[in-house]
Amino acid sequence: MANSVQSKKRARQNEKRNDINTARRSRIRTFIRKVEEAIASGDKDAAAAALKAAQPELMRGVTKGVFHKNTASRKLSRLAARVKALA
């Protein structure tokens, strides 16, 4: 248990950041799921639009420290390849 004032404040900050990061990660996963659902339905236009919406969201997650840069790049690359293969 946190005893000092500083450690109590740290605990509060960590809890707050954890909530924010959890929400951000969930939001990004939702964007990715929308792309995958559009790919599964075979609708190339919808998949391309969903990918275009997901890309900045994923990269924002990188700048905020929720995902590693290579992880986001890998996910985008694989999604883009799947969208491209729908043609």
C-alpha atoms as a PDB file:
ATOM      1  CA  MET A   1       0.000   0.000   0.000  1.00  0.00           C
ATOM      2  CA  ALA A   2       1.214   3.502  -0.837  1.00  0.00           C
ATOM      3  CA  ASN A   3       2.308   5.402   2.264  1.00  0.00           C
ATOM      4  CA  SER A   4       4.065   8.605   1.234  1.00  0.00           C
ATOM      5  CA  VAL A   5       2.241  11.500  -0.412  1.00  0.00           C
ATOM      6  CA  GLN A   6       4.339  11.023  -3.547  1.00  0.00           C
ATOM      7  CA  SER A   7       3.546   7.315  -3.839  1.00  0.00           C
ATOM      8  CA  LYS A   8      -0.173   7.986  -3.298  1.00  0.00           C
ATOM      9  CA  LYS A   9      -0.124  10.558  -6.086  1.00  0.00           C
ATOM     10  CA  ARG A  10       1.760   8.111  -8.336  1.00  0.00           C
ATOM     11  CA  ALA A  11      -0.879   5.458  -7.661  1.00  0.00           C
ATOM     12  CA  ARG A  12      -3.640   7.905  -8.644  1.00  0.00           C
ATOM     13  CA  GLN A  13      -1.790   8.903 -11.817  1.00  0.00           C
ATOM     14  CA  ASN A  14      -1.155   5.275 -12.770  1.00  0.00           C
ATOM     15  CA  GLU A  15      -4.820   4.393 -12.306  1.00  0.00           C
ATOM     16  CA  LYS A  16      -5.903   7.353 -14.459  1.00  0.00           C
ATOM     17  CA  ARG A  17      -3.396   6.544 -17.250  1.00  0.00           C
ATOM     18  CA  ASN A  18      -4.434   2.887 -17.162  1.00  0.00           C
ATOM     19  CA  ASP A  19      -8.087   3.833 -17.766  1.00  0.00           C
ATOM     20  CA  ILE A  20      -7.150   6.157 -20.628  1.00  0.00           C
ATOM     21  CA  ASN A  21      -4.835   3.610 -22.266  1.00  0.00           C
ATOM     22  CA  THR A  22      -7.401   0.820 -21.908  1.00  0.00           C
ATOM     23  CA  ALA A  23     -10.050   2.948 -23.616  1.00  0.00           C
ATOM     24  CA  ARG A  24      -7.656   3.924 -26.396  1.00  0.00           C
ATOM     25  CA  ARG A  25      -6.581   0.315 -26.995  1.00  0.00           C
ATOM     26  CA  SER A  26     -10.232  -0.772 -27.106  1.00  0.00           C
ATOM     27  CA  ARG A  27     -11.065   1.997 -29.604  1.00  0.00           C
ATOM     28  CA  ILE A  28      -8.186   0.952 -31.871  1.00  0.00           C
ATOM     29  CA  ARG A  29      -9.256  -2.697 -31.731  1.00  0.00           C
ATOM     30  CA  THR A  30     -12.766  -1.628 -32.757  1.00  0.00           C
ATOM     31  CA  PHE A  31     -11.376   0.161 -35.820  1.00  0.00           C
ATOM     32  CA  ILE A  32      -9.345  -2.932 -36.739  1.00  0.00           C
ATOM     33  CA  ARG A  33     -12.396  -5.160 -36.266  1.00  0.00           C
ATOM     34  CA  LYS A  34     -14.426  -2.956 -38.639  1.00  0.00           C
ATOM     35  CA  VAL A  35     -11.769  -3.427 -41.330  1.00  0.00           C
ATOM     36  CA  GLU A  36     -11.737  -7.199 -40.790  1.00  0.00           C
ATOM     37  CA  GLU A  37     -15.537  -7.374 -40.949  1.00  0.00           C
ATOM     38  CA  ALA A  38     -15.546  -5.413 -44.217  1.00  0.00           C
ATOM     39  CA  ILE A  39     -12.900  -7.792 -45.610  1.00  0.00           C
ATOM     40  CA  ALA A  40     -14.950 -10.799 -44.519  1.00  0.00           C
ATOM     41  CA  SER A  41     -18.044  -9.405 -46.239  1.00  0.00           C
ATOM     42  CA  GLY A  42     -16.026  -8.967 -49.439  1.00  0.00           C
ATOM     43  CA  ASP A  43     -16.847  -5.274 -49.836  1.00  0.00           C
ATOM     44  CA  LYS A  44     -13.632  -3.703 -51.118  1.00  0.00           C
ATOM     45  CA  ASP A  45     -14.863  -0.088 -50.947  1.00  0.00           C
ATOM     46  CA  ALA A  46     -16.037  -0.446 -47.349  1.00  0.00           C
ATOM     47  CA  ALA A  47     -12.814  -2.240 -46.408  1.00  0.00           C
ATOM     48  CA  ALA A  48     -10.687   0.503 -47.977  1.00  0.00           C
ATOM     49  CA  ALA A  49     -12.690   3.201 -46.190  1.00  0.00           C
ATOM     50  CA  ALA A  50     -12.423   1.369 -42.873  1.00  0.00           C
ATOM     51  CA  LEU A  51      -8.670   0.934 -43.365  1.00  0.00           C
ATOM     52  CA  LYS A  52      -8.290   4.627 -44.120  1.00  0.00           C
ATOM     53  CA  ALA A  53     -10.114   5.429 -40.869  1.00  0.00           C
ATOM     54  CA  ALA A  54      -8.103   2.892 -38.846  1.00  0.00           C
ATOM     55  CA  GLN A  55      -4.678   4.037 -40.004  1.00  0.00           C
ATOM     56  CA  PRO A  56      -4.460   7.387 -38.159  1.00  0.00           C
ATOM     57  CA  GLU A  57      -6.082   5.827 -35.097  1.00  0.00           C
ATOM     58  CA  LEU A  58      -3.420   3.124 -34.920  1.00  0.00           C
ATOM     59  CA  MET A  59      -0.601   5.621 -35.392  1.00  0.00           C
ATOM     60  CA  ARG A  60      -2.089   7.848 -32.696  1.00  0.00           C
ATOM     61  CA  GLY A  61      -1.886   4.835 -30.404  1.00  0.00           C
ATOM     62  CA  VAL A  62       1.833   4.669 -31.211  1.00  0.00           C
ATOM     63  CA  THR A  63       2.445   8.314 -30.335  1.00  0.00           C
ATOM     64  CA  LYS A  64       0.512   7.885 -27.091  1.00  0.00           C
ATOM     65  CA  GLY A  65       2.571   4.838 -26.149  1.00  0.00           C
ATOM     66  CA  VAL A  66      -0.222   2.258 -26.295  1.00  0.00           C
ATOM     67  CA  PHE A  67       1.355   0.253 -29.135  1.00  0.00           C
ATOM     68  CA  HIS A  68       4.898  -0.148 -30.386  1.00  0.00           C
ATOM     69  CA  LYS A  69       5.594   1.426 -33.767  1.00  0.00           C
ATOM     70  CA  ASN A  70       6.513  -1.873 -35.411  1.00  0.00           C
ATOM     71  CA  THR A  71       3.372  -3.558 -34.071  1.00  0.00           C
ATOM     72  CA  ALA A  72       1.123  -0.883 -35.564  1.00  0.00           C
ATOM     73  CA  SER A  73       3.035  -0.938 -38.863  1.00  0.00           C
ATOM     74  CA  ARG A  74       2.752  -4.717 -39.051  1.00  0.00           C
ATOM     75  CA  LYS A  75      -0.996  -4.649 -38.374  1.00  0.00           C
ATOM     76  CA  LEU A  76      -1.565  -1.932 -40.988  1.00  0.00           C
ATOM     77  CA  SER A  77       0.578  -3.705 -43.545  1.00  0.00           C
ATOM     78  CA  ARG A  78      -1.250  -6.988 -43.124  1.00  0.00           C
ATOM     79  CA  LEU A  79      -4.673  -5.327 -43.260  1.00  0.00           C
ATOM     80  CA  ALA A  80      -3.696  -3.346 -46.364  1.00  0.00           C
ATOM     81  CA  ALA A  81      -2.492  -6.525 -48.085  1.00  0.00           C
ATOM     82  CA  ARG A  82      -5.794  -8.251 -47.288  1.00  0.00           C
ATOM     83  CA  VAL A  83      -7.804  -5.281 -48.612  1.00  0.00           C
ATOM     84  CA  LYS A  84      -5.688  -5.195 -51.762  1.00  0.00           C
ATOM     85  CA  ALA A  85      -6.252  -8.943 -52.312  1.00  0.00           C
ATOM     86  CA  LEU A  86     -10.030  -8.390 -52.500  1.00  0.00           C
ATOM     87  CA  ALA A  87      -9.717  -6.996 -56.040  1.00  0.00           C
END
